[in-house]
């Protein structure tokens, strides 16, 4: 099992969709939200995804196909 840290950027039309919930339900990954913010324009989340590398890759690809921008995070996550 590995852990991968990513940042999701949502557009206004995706903010209200349960993307993170569906990600954990559809794929064999554990989602751990480390921080985030939602405004009337957009939203972002810091996530730590745990699971097998291939399954995390599939989950990230599924998320990107829904219109979410996914950026990797290196180092420690400092939310604030």
PDB file of N, CA and C in Angstrom:
ATOM      1  N   UNK A   1       0.840  -1.179   0.000  1.00  0.00           N
ATOM      2  CA  UNK A   1       0.000   0.000   0.000  1.00  0.00           C
ATOM      3  C   UNK A   1       0.885   1.242   0.000  1.00  0.00           C
ATOM      4  N   UNK A   2       0.509   2.220  -0.816  1.00  0.00           N
ATOM      5  CA  UNK A   2       1.243   3.481  -0.902  1.00  0.00           C
ATOM      6  C   UNK A   2       0.309   4.638  -0.586  1.00  0.00           C
ATOM      7  N   UNK A   3       0.902   5.777  -0.306  1.00  0.00           N
ATOM      8  CA  UNK A   3       0.137   7.004  -0.098  1.00  0.00           C
ATOM      9  C   UNK A   3       0.608   8.023  -1.114  1.00  0.00           C
ATOM     10  N   UNK A   4      -0.353   8.703  -1.696  1.00  0.00           N
ATOM     11  CA  UNK A   4      -0.036   9.733  -2.674  1.00  0.00           C
ATOM     12  C   UNK A   4      -0.822  10.990  -2.330  1.00  0.00           C
ATOM     13  N   UNK A   5      -0.144  12.118  -2.314  1.00  0.00           N
ATOM     14  CA  UNK A   5      -0.789  13.386  -2.005  1.00  0.00           C
ATOM     15  C   UNK A   5      -1.053  14.150  -3.292  1.00  0.00           C
ATOM     16  N   UNK A   6      -2.267  14.669  -3.394  1.00  0.00           N
ATOM     17  CA  UNK A   6      -2.673  15.406  -4.594  1.00  0.00           C
ATOM     18  C   UNK A   6      -3.515  16.611  -4.184  1.00  0.00           C
ATOM     19  N   UNK A   7      -3.640  17.529  -5.122  1.00  0.00           N
ATOM     20  CA  UNK A   7      -4.525  18.675  -4.950  1.00  0.00           C
ATOM     21  C   UNK A   7      -5.539  18.637  -6.074  1.00  0.00           C
ATOM     22  N   UNK A   8      -6.820  18.681  -5.723  1.00  0.00           N
ATOM     23  CA  UNK A   8      -7.910  18.713  -6.697  1.00  0.00           C
ATOM     24  C   UNK A   8      -8.389  20.151  -6.840  1.00  0.00           C
ATOM     25  N   UNK A   9      -8.575  20.585  -8.076  1.00  0.00           N
ATOM     26  CA  UNK A   9      -9.169  21.884  -8.370  1.00  0.00           C
ATOM     27  C   UNK A   9     -10.500  21.645  -9.075  1.00  0.00           C
ATOM     28  N   UNK A  10     -11.574  22.201  -8.520  1.00  0.00           N
ATOM     29  CA  UNK A  10     -12.922  22.026  -9.055  1.00  0.00           C
ATOM     30  C   UNK A  10     -13.418  23.323  -9.669  1.00  0.00           C
ATOM     31  N   UNK A  11     -14.139  23.217 -10.771  1.00  0.00           N
ATOM     32  CA  UNK A  11     -14.855  24.370 -11.309  1.00  0.00           C
ATOM     33  C   UNK A  11     -16.190  24.494 -10.582  1.00  0.00           C
ATOM     34  N   UNK A  12     -16.891  25.583 -10.791  1.00  0.00           N
ATOM     35  CA  UNK A  12     -18.151  25.806 -10.083  1.00  0.00           C
ATOM     36  C   UNK A  12     -19.159  24.693 -10.309  1.00  0.00           C
ATOM     37  N   UNK A  13     -19.252  24.162 -11.502  1.00  0.00           N
ATOM     38  CA  UNK A  13     -20.250  23.123 -11.764  1.00  0.00           C
ATOM     39  C   UNK A  13     -19.913  21.791 -11.086  1.00  0.00           C
ATOM     40  N   UNK A  14     -18.662  21.581 -10.689  1.00  0.00           N
ATOM     41  CA  UNK A  14     -18.269  20.329 -10.041  1.00  0.00           C
ATOM     42  C   UNK A  14     -18.223  20.406  -8.519  1.00  0.00           C
ATOM     43  N   UNK A  15     -18.255  21.619  -7.963  1.00  0.00           N
ATOM     44  CA  UNK A  15     -18.127  21.769  -6.516  1.00  0.00           C
ATOM     45  C   UNK A  15     -19.215  21.001  -5.776  1.00  0.00           C
ATOM     46  N   UNK A  16     -20.421  21.010  -6.308  1.00  0.00           N
ATOM     47  CA  UNK A  16     -21.536  20.362  -5.611  1.00  0.00           C
ATOM     48  C   UNK A  16     -21.617  18.850  -5.861  1.00  0.00           C
ATOM     49  N   UNK A  17     -20.808  18.305  -6.747  1.00  0.00           N
ATOM     50  CA  UNK A  17     -20.828  16.867  -7.001  1.00  0.00           C
ATOM     51  C   UNK A  17     -19.957  16.124  -5.982  1.00  0.00           C
ATOM     52  N   UNK A  18     -20.375  14.948  -5.551  1.00  0.00           N
ATOM     53  CA  UNK A  18     -19.622  14.204  -4.532  1.00  0.00           C
ATOM     54  C   UNK A  18     -18.445  13.419  -5.120  1.00  0.00           C
ATOM     55  N   UNK A  19     -17.519  14.119  -5.761  1.00  0.00           N
ATOM     56  CA  UNK A  19     -16.420  13.452  -6.464  1.00  0.00           C
ATOM     57  C   UNK A  19     -15.560  12.635  -5.498  1.00  0.00           C
ATOM     58  N   UNK A  20     -15.204  13.195  -4.361  1.00  0.00           N
ATOM     59  CA  UNK A  20     -14.338  12.483  -3.426  1.00  0.00           C
ATOM     60  C   UNK A  20     -15.061  11.264  -2.844  1.00  0.00           C
ATOM     61  N   UNK A  21     -16.329  11.425  -2.514  1.00  0.00           N
ATOM     62  CA  UNK A  21     -17.117  10.299  -2.008  1.00  0.00           C
ATOM     63  C   UNK A  21     -17.163   9.171  -3.046  1.00  0.00           C
ATOM     64  N   UNK A  22     -17.463   9.520  -4.290  1.00  0.00           N
ATOM     65  CA  UNK A  22     -17.544   8.511  -5.342  1.00  0.00           C
ATOM     66  C   UNK A  22     -16.187   7.872  -5.612  1.00  0.00           C
ATOM     67  N   UNK A  23     -15.129   8.650  -5.487  1.00  0.00           N
ATOM     68  CA  UNK A  23     -13.776   8.131  -5.675  1.00  0.00           C
ATOM     69  C   UNK A  23     -13.497   7.003  -4.693  1.00  0.00           C
ATOM     70  N   UNK A  24     -13.828   7.222  -3.424  1.00  0.00           N
ATOM     71  CA  UNK A  24     -13.629   6.187  -2.414  1.00  0.00           C
ATOM     72  C   UNK A  24     -14.552   5.002  -2.578  1.00  0.00           C
ATOM     73  N   UNK A  25     -15.751   5.245  -3.114  1.00  0.00           N
ATOM     74  CA  UNK A  25     -16.741   4.175  -3.288  1.00  0.00           C
ATOM     75  C   UNK A  25     -16.448   3.316  -4.524  1.00  0.00           C
ATOM     76  N   UNK A  26     -16.018   3.952  -5.614  1.00  0.00           N
ATOM     77  CA  UNK A  26     -15.818   3.253  -6.890  1.00  0.00           C
ATOM     78  C   UNK A  26     -14.466   2.536  -6.992  1.00  0.00           C
ATOM     79  N   UNK A  27     -13.478   3.014  -6.239  1.00  0.00           N
ATOM     80  CA  UNK A  27     -12.128   2.466  -6.354  1.00  0.00           C
ATOM     81  C   UNK A  27     -11.652   1.995  -4.985  1.00  0.00           C
ATOM     82  N   UNK A  28     -10.688   1.110  -4.989  1.00  0.00           N
ATOM     83  CA  UNK A  28     -10.150   0.565  -3.749  1.00  0.00           C
ATOM     84  C   UNK A  28      -9.049   1.489  -3.223  1.00  0.00           C
ATOM     85  N   UNK A  29      -9.451   2.717  -2.894  1.00  0.00           N
ATOM     86  CA  UNK A  29      -8.543   3.705  -2.328  1.00  0.00           C
ATOM     87  C   UNK A  29      -9.202   4.348  -1.110  1.00  0.00           C
ATOM     88  N   UNK A  30      -8.370   4.778  -0.189  1.00  0.00           N
ATOM     89  CA  UNK A  30      -8.836   5.513   0.981  1.00  0.00           C
ATOM     90  C   UNK A  30      -8.529   6.982   0.736  1.00  0.00           C
ATOM     91  N   UNK A  31      -9.546   7.826   0.906  1.00  0.00           N
ATOM     92  CA  UNK A  31      -9.360   9.267   0.716  1.00  0.00           C
ATOM     93  C   UNK A  31      -9.317   9.947   2.078  1.00  0.00           C
ATOM     94  N   UNK A  32      -8.306  10.787   2.266  1.00  0.00           N
ATOM     95  CA  UNK A  32      -8.148  11.520   3.508  1.00  0.00           C
ATOM     96  C   UNK A  32      -7.984  12.994   3.143  1.00  0.00           C
ATOM     97  N   UNK A  33      -9.013  13.793   3.406  1.00  0.00           N
ATOM     98  CA  UNK A  33      -8.971  15.222   3.081  1.00  0.00           C
ATOM     99  C   UNK A  33      -8.117  15.924   4.125  1.00  0.00           C
ATOM    100  N   UNK A  34      -7.111  16.657   3.659  1.00  0.00           N
ATOM    101  CA  UNK A  34      -6.177  17.355   4.541  1.00  0.00           C
ATOM    102  C   UNK A  34      -6.427  18.854   4.614  1.00  0.00           C
ATOM    103  N   UNK A  35      -7.224  19.380   3.701  1.00  0.00           N
ATOM    104  CA  UNK A  35      -7.527  20.810   3.693  1.00  0.00           C
ATOM    105  C   UNK A  35      -8.281  21.159   2.431  1.00  0.00           C
ATOM    106  N   UNK A  36      -8.857  22.329   2.403  1.00  0.00           N
ATOM    107  CA  UNK A  36      -9.577  22.735   1.212  1.00  0.00           C
ATOM    108  C   UNK A  36     -10.321  24.036   1.417  1.00  0.00           C
ATOM    109  N   UNK A  37     -10.889  24.509   0.326  1.00  0.00           N
ATOM    110  CA  UNK A  37     -11.681  25.735   0.348  1.00  0.00           C
ATOM    111  C   UNK A  37     -12.623  25.723  -0.848  1.00  0.00           C
ATOM    112  N   UNK A  38     -13.837  26.190  -0.623  1.00  0.00           N
ATOM    113  CA  UNK A  38     -14.816  26.302  -1.695  1.00  0.00           C
ATOM    114  C   UNK A  38     -15.326  27.739  -1.716  1.00  0.00           C
ATOM    115  N   UNK A  39     -15.322  28.335  -2.891  1.00  0.00           N
ATOM    116  CA  UNK A  39     -15.872  29.678  -3.071  1.00  0.00           C
ATOM    117  C   UNK A  39     -16.966  29.610  -4.126  1.00  0.00           C
ATOM    118  N   UNK A  40     -17.546  30.745  -4.450  1.00  0.00           N
ATOM    119  CA  UNK A  40     -18.579  30.754  -5.488  1.00  0.00           C
ATOM    120  C   UNK A  40     -17.993  30.500  -6.873  1.00  0.00           C
ATOM    121  N   UNK A  41     -16.676  30.677  -7.035  1.00  0.00           N
ATOM    122  CA  UNK A  41     -16.017  30.463  -8.328  1.00  0.00           C
ATOM    123  C   UNK A  41     -15.485  29.049  -8.520  1.00  0.00           C
ATOM    124  N   UNK A  42     -14.919  28.500  -7.455  1.00  0.00           N
ATOM    125  CA  UNK A  42     -14.235  27.219  -7.592  1.00  0.00           C
ATOM    126  C   UNK A  42     -13.990  26.604  -6.222  1.00  0.00           C
ATOM    127  N   UNK A  43     -13.290  25.497  -6.224  1.00  0.00           N
ATOM    128  CA  UNK A  43     -12.917  24.846  -4.985  1.00  0.00           C
ATOM    129  C   UNK A  43     -11.644  24.056  -5.172  1.00  0.00           C
ATOM    130  N   UNK A  44     -10.970  23.786  -4.067  1.00  0.00           N
ATOM    131  CA  UNK A  44      -9.785  22.930  -4.115  1.00  0.00           C
ATOM    132  C   UNK A  44      -9.719  22.111  -2.840  1.00  0.00           C
ATOM    133  N   UNK A  45      -9.054  20.978  -2.947  1.00  0.00           N
ATOM    134  CA  UNK A  45      -8.853  20.072  -1.812  1.00  0.00           C
ATOM    135  C   UNK A  45      -7.442  19.523  -1.838  1.00  0.00           C
ATOM    136  N   UNK A  46      -6.836  19.408  -0.657  1.00  0.00           N
ATOM    137  CA  UNK A  46      -5.629  18.609  -0.500  1.00  0.00           C
ATOM    138  C   UNK A  46      -6.086  17.235  -0.053  1.00  0.00           C
ATOM    139  N   UNK A  47      -5.672  16.205  -0.771  1.00  0.00           N
ATOM    140  CA  UNK A  47      -6.068  14.835  -0.443  1.00  0.00           C
ATOM    141  C   UNK A  47      -4.848  13.943  -0.307  1.00  0.00           C
ATOM    142  N   UNK A  48      -4.973  12.961   0.570  1.00  0.00           N
ATOM    143  CA  UNK A  48      -4.001  11.892   0.620  1.00  0.00           C
ATOM    144  C   UNK A  48      -4.749  10.633   0.209  1.00  0.00           C
ATOM    145  N   UNK A  49      -4.305  10.012  -0.857  1.00  0.00           N
ATOM    146  CA  UNK A  49      -4.922   8.788  -1.367  1.00  0.00           C
ATOM    147  C   UNK A  49      -4.042   7.603  -0.975  1.00  0.00           C
ATOM    148  N   UNK A  50      -4.653   6.583  -0.393  1.00  0.00           N
ATOM    149  CA  UNK A  50      -3.918   5.385   0.012  1.00  0.00           C
ATOM    150  C   UNK A  50      -4.483   4.183  -0.719  1.00  0.00           C
ATOM    151  N   UNK A  51      -3.593   3.297  -1.158  1.00  0.00           N
ATOM    152  CA  UNK A  51      -4.002   2.091  -1.862  1.00  0.00           C
ATOM    153  C   UNK A  51      -2.869   1.584  -2.733  1.00  0.00           C
ATOM    154  N   UNK A  52      -3.190   0.701  -3.626  1.00  0.00           N
ATOM    155  CA  UNK A  52      -2.202   0.200  -4.583  1.00  0.00           C
ATOM    156  C   UNK A  52      -1.963   1.262  -5.663  1.00  0.00           C
ATOM    157  N   UNK A  53      -0.728   1.358  -6.138  1.00  0.00           N
ATOM    158  CA  UNK A  53      -0.367   2.364  -7.141  1.00  0.00           C
ATOM    159  C   UNK A  53      -1.295   2.356  -8.352  1.00  0.00           C
ATOM    160  N   UNK A  54      -1.541   1.165  -8.901  1.00  0.00           N
ATOM    161  CA  UNK A  54      -2.375   1.061 -10.103  1.00  0.00           C
ATOM    162  C   UNK A  54      -3.802   1.530  -9.834  1.00  0.00           C
ATOM    163  N   UNK A  55      -4.326   1.236  -8.658  1.00  0.00           N
ATOM    164  CA  UNK A  55      -5.693   1.643  -8.322  1.00  0.00           C
ATOM    165  C   UNK A  55      -5.775   3.157  -8.109  1.00  0.00           C
ATOM    166  N   UNK A  56      -4.746   3.729  -7.514  1.00  0.00           N
ATOM    167  CA  UNK A  56      -4.703   5.187  -7.363  1.00  0.00           C
ATOM    168  C   UNK A  56      -4.638   5.841  -8.732  1.00  0.00           C
ATOM    169  N   UNK A  57      -3.837   5.294  -9.637  1.00  0.00           N
ATOM    170  CA  UNK A  57      -3.766   5.821 -11.011  1.00  0.00           C
ATOM    171  C   UNK A  57      -5.137   5.786 -11.688  1.00  0.00           C
ATOM    172  N   UNK A  58      -5.848   4.676 -11.543  1.00  0.00           N
ATOM    173  CA  UNK A  58      -7.193   4.552 -12.134  1.00  0.00           C
ATOM    174  C   UNK A  58      -8.146   5.581 -11.534  1.00  0.00           C
ATOM    175  N   UNK A  59      -8.078   5.759 -10.226  1.00  0.00           N
ATOM    176  CA  UNK A  59      -8.955   6.710  -9.542  1.00  0.00           C
ATOM    177  C   UNK A  59      -8.667   8.142  -9.992  1.00  0.00           C
ATOM    178  N   UNK A  60      -7.395   8.484 -10.120  1.00  0.00           N
ATOM    179  CA  UNK A  60      -7.025   9.831 -10.572  1.00  0.00           C
ATOM    180  C   UNK A  60      -7.482  10.043 -12.009  1.00  0.00           C
ATOM    181  N   UNK A  61      -7.306   9.061 -12.863  1.00  0.00           N
ATOM    182  CA  UNK A  61      -7.745   9.191 -14.261  1.00  0.00           C
ATOM    183  C   UNK A  61      -9.256   9.396 -14.328  1.00  0.00           C
ATOM    184  N   UNK A  62     -10.019   8.663 -13.542  1.00  0.00           N
ATOM    185  CA  UNK A  62     -11.475   8.811 -13.476  1.00  0.00           C
ATOM    186  C   UNK A  62     -11.845  10.236 -13.057  1.00  0.00           C
ATOM    187  N   UNK A  63     -11.120  10.765 -12.066  1.00  0.00           N
ATOM    188  CA  UNK A  63     -11.377  12.117 -11.579  1.00  0.00           C
ATOM    189  C   UNK A  63     -11.089  13.147 -12.660  1.00  0.00           C
ATOM    190  N   UNK A  64     -10.001  12.995 -13.365  1.00  0.00           N
ATOM    191  CA  UNK A  64      -9.637  13.917 -14.446  1.00  0.00           C
ATOM    192  C   UNK A  64     -10.694  13.881 -15.548  1.00  0.00           C
ATOM    193  N   UNK A  65     -11.201  12.701 -15.864  1.00  0.00           N
ATOM    194  CA  UNK A  65     -12.235  12.569 -16.894  1.00  0.00           C
ATOM    195  C   UNK A  65     -13.520  13.294 -16.513  1.00  0.00           C
ATOM    196  N   UNK A  66     -13.747  13.536 -15.244  1.00  0.00           N
ATOM    197  CA  UNK A  66     -14.921  14.294 -14.787  1.00  0.00           C
ATOM    198  C   UNK A  66     -14.686  15.793 -14.798  1.00  0.00           C
ATOM    199  N   UNK A  67     -13.469  16.228 -15.153  1.00  0.00           N
ATOM    200  CA  UNK A  67     -13.188  17.656 -15.274  1.00  0.00           C
ATOM    201  C   UNK A  67     -12.449  18.273 -14.110  1.00  0.00           C
ATOM    202  N   UNK A  68     -11.964  17.446 -13.189  1.00  0.00           N
ATOM    203  CA  UNK A  68     -11.206  17.941 -12.050  1.00  0.00           C
ATOM    204  C   UNK A  68      -9.728  17.979 -12.429  1.00  0.00           C
ATOM    205  N   UNK A  69      -9.057  19.111 -12.124  1.00  0.00           N
ATOM    206  CA  UNK A  69      -7.611  19.169 -12.340  1.00  0.00           C
ATOM    207  C   UNK A  69      -6.933  18.549 -11.130  1.00  0.00           C
ATOM    208  N   UNK A  70      -5.994  17.649 -11.364  1.00  0.00           N
ATOM    209  CA  UNK A  70      -5.301  16.946 -10.291  1.00  0.00           C
ATOM    210  C   UNK A  70      -3.811  17.247 -10.403  1.00  0.00           C
ATOM    211  N   UNK A  71      -3.253  17.825  -9.330  1.00  0.00           N
ATOM    212  CA  UNK A  71      -1.820  18.129  -9.283  1.00  0.00           C
ATOM    213  C   UNK A  71      -1.180  17.330  -8.158  1.00  0.00           C
ATOM    214  N   UNK A  72       0.004  16.749  -8.401  1.00  0.00           N
ATOM    215  CA  UNK A  72       0.703  16.058  -7.321  1.00  0.00           C
ATOM    216  C   UNK A  72       1.246  17.056  -6.309  1.00  0.00           C
ATOM    217  N   UNK A  73       1.408  16.608  -5.074  1.00  0.00           N
ATOM    218  CA  UNK A  73       1.982  17.424  -4.009  1.00  0.00           C
ATOM    219  C   UNK A  73       3.226  16.705  -3.510  1.00  0.00           C
ATOM    220  N   UNK A  74       4.303  17.424  -3.450  1.00  0.00           N
ATOM    221  CA  UNK A  74       5.550  16.886  -2.913  1.00  0.00           C
ATOM    222  C   UNK A  74       5.764  17.449  -1.520  1.00  0.00           C
ATOM    223  N   UNK A  75       6.310  16.656  -0.621  1.00  0.00           N
ATOM    224  CA  UNK A  75       6.613  17.128   0.728  1.00  0.00           C
ATOM    225  C   UNK A  75       5.396  17.147   1.621  1.00  0.00           C
ATOM    226  N   UNK A  76       5.503  17.884   2.700  1.00  0.00           N
ATOM    227  CA  UNK A  76       4.433  17.961   3.690  1.00  0.00           C
ATOM    228  C   UNK A  76       3.316  18.870   3.220  1.00  0.00           C
ATOM    229  N   UNK A  77       2.108  18.551   3.660  1.00  0.00           N
ATOM    230  CA  UNK A  77       0.938  19.373   3.368  1.00  0.00           C
ATOM    231  C   UNK A  77       0.750  20.336   4.528  1.00  0.00           C
ATOM    232  N   UNK A  78       0.738  21.614   4.212  1.00  0.00           N
ATOM    233  CA  UNK A  78       0.465  22.626   5.233  1.00  0.00           C
ATOM    234  C   UNK A  78      -0.742  23.406   4.765  1.00  0.00           C
ATOM    235  N   UNK A  79      -1.868  23.182   5.426  1.00  0.00           N
ATOM    236  CA  UNK A  79      -3.103  23.881   5.053  1.00  0.00           C
ATOM    237  C   UNK A  79      -3.256  25.104   5.936  1.00  0.00           C
ATOM    238  N   UNK A  80      -3.851  26.137   5.351  1.00  0.00           N
ATOM    239  CA  UNK A  80      -4.065  27.319   6.168  1.00  0.00           C
ATOM    240  C   UNK A  80      -4.524  28.480   5.362  1.00  0.00           C
TER     241      UNK A  80
END
